[in-house]
Protein backbone atom coordinates (compact mmCIF):
# COMPACT_ATOMS: atom_id res chain seq x y z
CA MET A 1 -32.86 18.11 -35.30
CA THR A 2 -29.69 16.36 -36.44
CA PRO A 3 -30.51 14.21 -39.48
CA GLU A 4 -27.89 11.63 -40.42
CA THR A 5 -28.84 11.18 -44.07
CA GLU A 6 -29.74 13.50 -46.92
CA ALA A 7 -33.15 11.81 -47.19
CA ASP A 8 -33.86 12.42 -43.51
CA LEU A 9 -32.86 16.06 -43.93
CA ALA A 10 -35.22 16.48 -46.88
CA GLN A 11 -38.06 14.90 -44.91
CA ALA A 12 -37.44 17.18 -41.94
CA ILE A 13 -37.64 20.24 -44.18
CA VAL A 14 -40.83 19.03 -45.85
CA GLN A 15 -42.44 18.55 -42.45
CA ALA A 16 -41.27 21.86 -41.01
CA ASN A 17 -44.01 24.41 -40.42
CA SER A 18 -41.94 27.13 -38.71
CA PRO A 19 -38.52 28.76 -39.25
CA LEU A 20 -35.35 26.68 -39.02
CA ARG A 21 -31.96 27.75 -37.69
CA ILE A 22 -29.37 26.10 -39.94
CA ILE A 23 -26.18 25.32 -38.04
CA GLY A 24 -23.08 23.22 -38.59
CA GLY A 25 -20.71 23.27 -35.62
CA GLY A 26 -22.25 26.45 -34.23
CA THR A 27 -18.95 28.34 -34.23
CA ARG A 28 -19.61 31.19 -36.68
CA GLY A 29 -22.53 32.99 -35.11
CA ILE A 30 -25.02 32.42 -37.93
CA GLY A 31 -28.31 30.65 -37.50
CA THR A 32 -28.64 32.00 -33.95
CA GLY A 33 -32.06 33.63 -34.33
CA VAL A 34 -35.57 32.28 -33.98
CA GLY A 35 -36.66 28.82 -35.03
CA GLU A 36 -35.82 25.21 -34.36
CA ALA A 37 -32.17 24.27 -34.78
CA LEU A 38 -31.41 22.07 -37.78
CA SER A 39 -27.86 20.78 -37.59
CA THR A 40 -25.78 19.23 -40.36
CA ALA A 41 -23.38 17.65 -37.85
CA GLY A 42 -24.82 14.20 -38.58
CA LEU A 43 -23.83 14.48 -42.25
CA SER A 44 -20.13 13.81 -41.82
CA GLY A 45 -17.37 12.02 -43.67
CA VAL A 46 -15.06 12.22 -46.67
CA THR A 47 -16.87 10.87 -49.74
CA LEU A 48 -13.96 11.05 -52.18
CA TYR A 49 -10.37 12.25 -51.95
CA GLU A 50 -8.07 11.96 -54.95
CA PRO A 51 -4.75 13.68 -54.13
CA GLY A 52 -3.47 13.20 -57.68
CA ALA A 53 -6.52 15.00 -59.09
CA LEU A 54 -6.42 17.67 -56.34
CA THR A 55 -10.07 16.88 -55.64
CA LEU A 56 -11.94 16.50 -52.36
CA VAL A 57 -15.62 15.59 -51.91
CA VAL A 58 -16.92 15.73 -48.36
CA LYS A 59 -20.21 15.84 -46.48
CA ALA A 60 -21.20 19.23 -45.13
CA GLY A 61 -21.05 18.37 -41.42
CA THR A 62 -17.48 17.06 -41.55
CA PRO A 63 -15.21 18.81 -39.01
CA LEU A 64 -12.70 21.10 -40.66
CA ALA A 65 -9.89 19.67 -38.52
CA GLU A 66 -10.58 16.19 -39.90
CA ILE A 67 -10.34 17.50 -43.46
CA GLU A 68 -7.14 19.43 -42.79
CA ALA A 69 -5.53 16.36 -41.22
CA ALA A 70 -6.38 14.21 -44.24
CA LEU A 71 -4.98 16.81 -46.61
CA ALA A 72 -1.82 17.35 -44.53
CA ALA A 73 -1.06 13.63 -44.71
CA GLU A 74 -0.77 14.07 -48.48
CA GLY A 75 1.11 17.38 -48.31
CA GLN A 76 -1.97 19.33 -49.42
CA SER A 77 -4.24 21.99 -47.94
CA LEU A 78 -7.29 24.18 -48.45
CA PRO A 79 -5.57 27.09 -50.22
CA PHE A 80 -8.03 29.75 -49.08
CA GLU A 81 -6.96 29.33 -45.42
CA PRO A 82 -10.42 29.34 -43.75
CA MET A 83 -10.88 31.38 -40.60
CA ASP A 84 -11.83 29.83 -37.26
CA HIS A 85 -14.40 32.17 -35.67
CA ARG A 86 -14.38 30.72 -32.16
CA ALA A 87 -11.94 33.18 -30.59
CA LEU A 88 -13.67 36.19 -32.13
CA MET A 89 -17.23 35.08 -31.48
CA GLY A 90 -16.67 33.45 -28.10
CA THR A 91 -18.25 30.23 -29.35
CA THR A 92 -17.45 26.58 -28.77
CA GLY A 93 -18.09 23.57 -30.93
CA VAL A 94 -16.29 22.31 -34.00
CA PRO A 95 -16.00 24.23 -37.30
CA THR A 96 -17.41 22.26 -40.23
CA ILE A 97 -16.76 22.48 -43.95
CA GLY A 98 -20.43 23.30 -44.55
CA GLY A 99 -20.09 26.43 -42.42
CA VAL A 100 -16.94 27.41 -44.30
CA VAL A 101 -18.71 27.13 -47.65
CA ALA A 102 -21.97 28.69 -46.45
CA CYS A 103 -20.06 31.78 -45.29
CA ASN A 104 -17.43 31.75 -48.07
CA VAL A 105 -14.81 31.91 -45.31
CA SER A 106 -11.39 32.93 -46.59
CA GLY A 107 -8.25 33.94 -44.70
CA PRO A 108 -5.08 35.96 -45.39
CA ARG A 109 -4.01 33.77 -48.33
CA ARG A 110 -7.07 34.90 -50.30
CA ILE A 111 -4.99 37.70 -51.86
CA ALA A 112 -2.76 35.10 -53.52
CA SER A 113 -4.93 32.02 -54.01
CA GLY A 114 -8.50 33.29 -54.14
CA ALA A 115 -11.57 32.80 -51.95
CA CYS A 116 -13.37 29.62 -50.94
CA ARG A 117 -15.83 30.25 -53.77
CA ASP A 118 -12.99 30.06 -56.31
CA PHE A 119 -12.19 26.47 -55.29
CA MET A 120 -15.72 25.10 -55.33
CA LEU A 121 -16.42 22.36 -57.90
CA GLY A 122 -19.85 21.12 -56.89
CA VAL A 123 -22.57 21.08 -54.24
CA ARG A 124 -25.49 18.97 -53.10
CA PHE A 125 -28.17 20.68 -51.03
CA VAL A 126 -31.80 20.49 -49.97
CA ASP A 127 -33.97 23.50 -50.79
CA GLY A 128 -36.94 24.90 -48.90
CA SER A 129 -39.36 22.57 -50.68
CA GLY A 130 -37.40 19.50 -49.62
CA ARG A 131 -35.92 18.89 -53.06
CA VAL A 132 -32.43 17.39 -53.21
CA LEU A 133 -30.47 19.39 -55.77
CA LYS A 134 -26.95 18.93 -57.09
CA ASN A 135 -24.86 21.22 -59.21
CA GLY A 136 -21.36 21.19 -60.62
CA GLY A 137 -19.16 18.13 -60.51
CA ARG A 138 -16.56 16.24 -58.55
CA VAL A 139 -13.55 16.88 -60.77
CA MET A 140 -12.18 19.91 -62.58
CA LYS A 141 -13.28 18.55 -65.97
CA ASN A 142 -16.94 18.46 -64.93
CA VAL A 143 -18.12 21.84 -63.69
CA THR A 144 -21.46 22.26 -65.43
CA GLY A 145 -23.79 24.55 -63.53
CA TYR A 146 -20.85 26.38 -62.01
CA ASP A 147 -22.81 29.57 -61.34
CA LEU A 148 -25.19 27.87 -58.91
CA VAL A 149 -22.23 26.34 -57.10
CA ARG A 150 -20.78 29.81 -56.62
CA LEU A 151 -24.18 31.17 -55.59
CA MET A 152 -24.54 28.66 -52.77
CA THR A 153 -21.05 29.54 -51.52
CA GLY A 154 -21.68 32.52 -49.27
CA SER A 155 -25.47 32.14 -49.10
CA PHE A 156 -25.40 31.85 -45.27
CA GLY A 157 -27.93 29.05 -45.22
CA THR A 158 -30.68 31.21 -46.70
CA LEU A 159 -31.18 29.30 -49.98
CA GLY A 160 -30.76 25.69 -48.93
CA VAL A 161 -29.03 23.29 -46.57
CA LEU A 162 -25.73 22.01 -47.90
CA THR A 163 -25.24 18.24 -47.65
CA GLU A 164 -22.07 17.69 -49.71
CA VAL A 165 -19.40 19.89 -51.27
CA ALA A 166 -16.65 19.21 -53.80
CA LEU A 167 -13.52 21.35 -53.72
CA LYS A 168 -10.22 21.73 -55.48
CA VAL A 169 -7.22 21.49 -53.16
CA LEU A 170 -3.57 22.44 -53.69
CA PRO A 171 -0.15 21.37 -52.41
CA ALA A 172 0.69 22.96 -49.08
CA PRO A 173 3.55 25.49 -49.10
CA ARG A 174 6.92 23.88 -48.40
CA ALA A 175 8.45 26.94 -46.74
CA SER A 176 7.40 30.33 -45.44
CA ALA A 177 9.05 33.61 -44.47
CA THR A 178 7.46 36.59 -42.75
CA LEU A 179 8.89 40.10 -42.87
CA ALA A 180 7.81 42.57 -40.18
CA LEU A 181 8.26 46.27 -39.56
CA GLU A 182 7.19 48.17 -36.45
CA GLY A 183 5.98 51.72 -36.07
CA MET A 184 4.29 52.66 -39.34
CA GLU A 185 1.02 54.57 -39.42
CA PRO A 186 -1.79 52.84 -41.33
CA GLU A 187 -1.52 55.00 -44.45
CA ARG A 188 2.19 54.33 -44.84
CA ALA A 189 1.77 50.67 -43.93
CA VAL A 190 -0.87 50.15 -46.62
CA ALA A 191 1.40 51.91 -49.12
CA ALA A 192 4.15 49.40 -48.29
CA LEU A 193 1.74 46.47 -48.53
CA SER A 194 0.44 47.72 -51.88
CA ARG A 195 3.96 47.92 -53.25
CA ALA A 196 4.69 44.40 -52.02
CA LEU A 197 1.50 43.04 -53.57
CA GLY A 198 2.28 44.78 -56.85
CA SER A 199 5.71 43.16 -57.02
CA PRO A 200 6.51 39.87 -58.81
CA PHE A 201 7.44 38.20 -55.51
CA GLU A 202 4.13 36.39 -54.85
CA VAL A 203 2.99 37.69 -51.48
CA SER A 204 0.60 35.30 -49.65
CA GLY A 205 -0.12 37.50 -46.63
CA ALA A 206 -0.18 41.29 -46.21
CA ALA A 207 -1.48 42.71 -42.94
CA HIS A 208 -1.13 45.61 -40.52
CA VAL A 209 -2.12 45.45 -36.85
CA ALA A 210 -2.71 49.07 -35.82
CA ALA A 211 -2.21 48.50 -32.10
CA ASP A 212 0.47 50.05 -29.89
CA ALA A 213 3.15 51.19 -32.35
CA GLY A 214 1.63 49.24 -35.25
CA ARG A 215 3.07 46.14 -36.87
CA THR A 216 3.18 45.51 -40.62
CA LEU A 217 3.55 41.92 -41.86
CA ILE A 218 4.33 40.39 -45.25
CA ARG A 219 4.34 36.63 -45.88
CA LEU A 220 6.08 34.75 -48.68
CA GLU A 221 5.54 31.03 -49.31
CA GLY A 222 6.79 28.32 -51.65
CA PHE A 223 9.97 26.32 -52.05
CA GLU A 224 12.73 27.19 -49.57
CA ALA A 225 15.24 28.60 -52.06
CA SER A 226 12.56 30.66 -53.78
CA VAL A 227 11.27 32.05 -50.49
CA ALA A 228 14.76 33.06 -49.37
CA TYR A 229 15.46 34.84 -52.67
CA ARG A 230 12.12 36.64 -52.71
CA ALA A 231 12.51 37.75 -49.09
CA ASP A 232 15.86 39.37 -49.89
CA GLU A 233 14.40 41.09 -52.94
CA MET A 234 11.39 42.27 -50.94
CA ARG A 235 13.64 43.90 -48.35
CA ARG A 236 15.41 45.81 -51.12
CA LEU A 237 12.11 46.82 -52.71
CA LEU A 238 10.73 48.16 -49.42
CA ALA A 239 13.95 49.55 -47.95
CA GLU A 240 12.65 53.13 -47.94
CA PHE A 241 9.98 52.13 -45.40
CA GLY A 242 12.53 50.83 -42.90
CA ALA A 243 14.58 47.79 -41.92
CA TRP A 244 12.36 44.72 -42.18
CA GLU A 245 13.07 41.91 -39.73
CA THR A 246 12.49 38.23 -40.40
CA VAL A 247 10.06 36.70 -37.92
CA GLU A 248 10.83 33.12 -36.94
CA ASP A 249 7.98 30.64 -36.47
CA ALA A 250 5.31 33.10 -37.64
CA ALA A 251 2.53 30.54 -38.07
CA GLU A 252 0.85 31.61 -34.83
CA ILE A 253 1.00 35.27 -35.88
CA TRP A 254 -0.84 34.49 -39.11
CA ARG A 255 -3.39 32.39 -37.26
CA GLY A 256 -4.03 35.46 -35.14
CA ILE A 257 -4.53 37.57 -38.27
CA ARG A 258 -6.73 34.89 -39.84
CA ASP A 259 -8.90 34.42 -36.75
CA VAL A 260 -8.84 38.08 -35.58
CA THR A 261 -7.77 37.15 -32.06
CA HIS A 262 -6.63 40.69 -31.18
CA PHE A 263 -9.98 41.98 -29.92
CA GLY A 264 -10.83 39.74 -26.97
CA GLY A 265 -14.47 39.41 -25.99
CA ASP A 266 -15.50 43.03 -25.42
CA GLY A 267 -16.98 45.44 -27.95
CA ASP A 268 -18.73 45.06 -31.27
CA VAL A 269 -16.74 43.80 -34.24
CA TRP A 270 -17.28 45.06 -37.77
CA ARG A 271 -15.80 43.73 -41.00
CA ILE A 272 -15.21 46.36 -43.69
CA SER A 273 -14.49 45.49 -47.30
CA ALA A 274 -13.11 48.40 -49.32
CA ARG A 275 -10.43 49.43 -51.76
CA PRO A 276 -7.06 49.20 -49.99
CA THR A 277 -6.31 52.83 -50.75
CA GLU A 278 -9.51 53.80 -48.88
CA GLY A 279 -8.78 51.65 -45.83
CA PRO A 280 -6.72 54.00 -43.63
CA ALA A 281 -9.07 56.96 -44.20
CA LEU A 282 -12.12 54.83 -43.42
CA ALA A 283 -10.58 53.54 -40.20
CA ALA A 284 -9.71 57.11 -39.22
CA ARG A 285 -13.43 57.96 -39.22
CA VAL A 286 -13.78 55.66 -36.20
CA PRO A 287 -10.79 56.84 -34.14
CA GLU A 288 -11.80 54.95 -30.99
CA ALA A 289 -11.70 51.60 -32.81
CA GLN A 290 -9.10 48.89 -32.51
CA VAL A 291 -8.08 48.09 -36.09
CA VAL A 292 -6.58 45.19 -38.01
CA PHE A 293 -5.96 45.50 -41.76
CA ASP A 294 -5.74 42.32 -43.85
CA TRP A 295 -5.59 41.67 -47.60
CA GLY A 296 -3.22 44.59 -48.08
CA GLY A 297 -5.74 46.98 -46.52
CA GLY A 298 -8.79 45.78 -48.44
CA LEU A 299 -10.22 43.99 -45.40
CA ILE A 300 -10.57 46.05 -42.22
CA TRP A 301 -11.61 44.63 -38.87
CA LEU A 302 -12.86 47.19 -36.33
CA CYS A 303 -13.61 46.62 -32.66
CA VAL A 304 -15.75 49.47 -31.30
CA PRO A 305 -17.80 50.27 -28.19
CA GLU A 306 -21.06 48.34 -28.04
CA GLY A 307 -23.90 49.84 -30.05
CA THR A 308 -21.72 52.01 -32.32
CA ASP A 309 -23.28 52.54 -35.76
CA VAL A 310 -20.14 52.16 -37.85
CA ARG A 311 -22.00 52.48 -41.16
CA ALA A 312 -23.22 55.94 -40.15
CA ARG A 313 -19.68 56.91 -39.15
CA LEU A 314 -18.17 55.70 -42.41
CA GLY A 315 -20.75 57.28 -44.70
CA ALA A 316 -20.83 56.39 -48.37
CA PHE A 317 -17.85 54.44 -49.72
CA GLY A 318 -17.12 51.85 -52.36
CA GLY A 319 -17.54 48.75 -50.24
CA HIS A 320 -19.63 47.27 -47.45
CA ALA A 321 -19.64 47.04 -43.65
CA THR A 322 -20.83 43.86 -41.93
CA LEU A 323 -21.65 43.64 -38.24
CA VAL A 324 -20.04 40.38 -37.18
CA ARG A 325 -20.12 40.42 -33.37
CA ALA A 326 -22.71 42.34 -31.34
CA ALA A 327 -25.60 41.88 -28.95
CA PRO A 328 -28.82 40.61 -30.56
CA GLU A 329 -30.55 43.95 -30.02
CA THR A 330 -27.72 45.78 -31.81
CA LYS A 331 -27.91 43.43 -34.77
CA ALA A 332 -31.68 43.84 -34.83
CA ARG A 333 -31.31 47.62 -34.83
CA LEU A 334 -28.46 48.00 -37.32
CA GLY A 335 -28.72 44.80 -39.35
CA ALA A 336 -25.81 42.45 -39.80
CA PHE A 337 -25.42 43.08 -43.51
CA HIS A 338 -24.83 46.22 -45.48
CA PRO A 339 -28.00 47.40 -47.28
CA GLY A 340 -27.78 46.62 -50.99
CA ALA A 341 -28.93 48.61 -53.97
CA ALA A 342 -32.61 48.16 -54.83
CA PRO A 343 -32.01 46.09 -58.02
CA VAL A 344 -29.66 43.74 -56.16
CA ALA A 345 -32.10 43.42 -53.25
CA ALA A 346 -34.89 42.53 -55.69
CA LEU A 347 -32.71 39.85 -57.28
CA GLU A 348 -31.84 38.38 -53.89
CA ALA A 349 -35.51 38.32 -52.86
CA GLY A 350 -36.34 36.51 -56.10
CA LEU A 351 -33.69 33.89 -55.43
CA ARG A 352 -35.00 33.27 -51.94
CA ALA A 353 -38.54 32.98 -53.23
CA LYS A 354 -37.33 30.37 -55.70
CA PHE A 355 -35.21 28.25 -53.37
CA ASP A 356 -37.00 28.85 -50.05
CA PRO A 357 -40.61 29.77 -50.91
CA ARG A 358 -41.84 29.22 -47.34
CA GLY A 359 -39.14 31.41 -45.78
CA LEU A 360 -37.85 28.63 -43.53
CA PHE A 361 -34.10 29.11 -43.59
CA ASN A 362 -32.37 31.57 -41.23
CA PRO A 363 -35.04 34.21 -41.92
CA GLU A 364 -33.54 36.71 -39.47
CA LEU A 365 -30.46 37.11 -41.61
CA MET A 366 -32.08 38.48 -44.74
CA ALA A 367 -28.53 38.61 -46.06
CA PRO A 368 -27.30 39.31 -49.57
CA VAL A 369 -26.64 35.87 -50.97
CA GLN A 370 -23.16 36.32 -52.37
CA SER A 371 -20.91 39.14 -51.38
CA HIS A 372 -21.30 39.97 -47.70
CA GLY A 373 -20.67 38.52 -44.27
CA ALA A 374 -17.86 37.40 -42.02
CA GLY A 375 -15.03 35.94 -44.03
CA ALA A 376 -16.85 36.48 -47.33
CA ALA A 377 -15.97 38.68 -50.31
């Protein structure tokens, strides 16, 4: 089913008598379980774009590339740098803004700008009873009902089907500089990234690729003169770690970090959210893994042999481990999402009972509605 209007979508949900797989462009690996596919691809188009107000309102099925092109023409961008899952998941199709919001997808710039959820102004969606609901507003001055807007962002299509989203946008960075250092072990690399992030020099990317000799990367963005000054100061601040080189034309490197292109198509991929200081020790508990650290060490991507129970290997820690890429039987056995505490699980079940009383939407996920999943947190 690919309804082309919000009314048609509501009618399709009312008439449904079995589970529905909610999909946008089909690139992120959600909504791949049982049930009839219900696509938002027919709900496409920019409803309102006011560059002067930094406000964008767009239908949920609108391709992300179309949105980024419209913003680029005005020197603006989505500041949370959404990830494209196609390389990691081995999927095709076209990423849509509804999928970005449903998964709260946020890239390396999250450490500086915030997550997708932080830029949401309003939503329209259809719940499991076929009701068309709207919450929030279209401009920064009108954000009533903000909590429900944030709740829907990262709900993975388990509470309702998004039809329209309103977001705040920001000017795109005018200039960028990337500093790189080879050869550090993860613990020392994360120490360097933590120092950089704790400085006044406005880091917008902080990552470590623990492959081969290891490569540590720091990104600075803004006006050209400011970036040049801050890069020089950063080298002085981090001189004890080594001689940092400036990487020319680093955009592709950061796309690789954003999209986790280092793992190819073999092995299971896990996404670990933890305190940066815990990151290296956690990764060391899975020594056979390929590892990429993002967000200064607070986001850890692991590629492991198929069927590996990473949660069991990590044990108890102050974060969560999400199984992003694996065979269906592995996801069925281990669960995609980290088990939550009983009070939180009860709250989530209550929310689903309220918004999807018939259990139609992506029932195989049974995911926590806010804080977990690929690109979330």
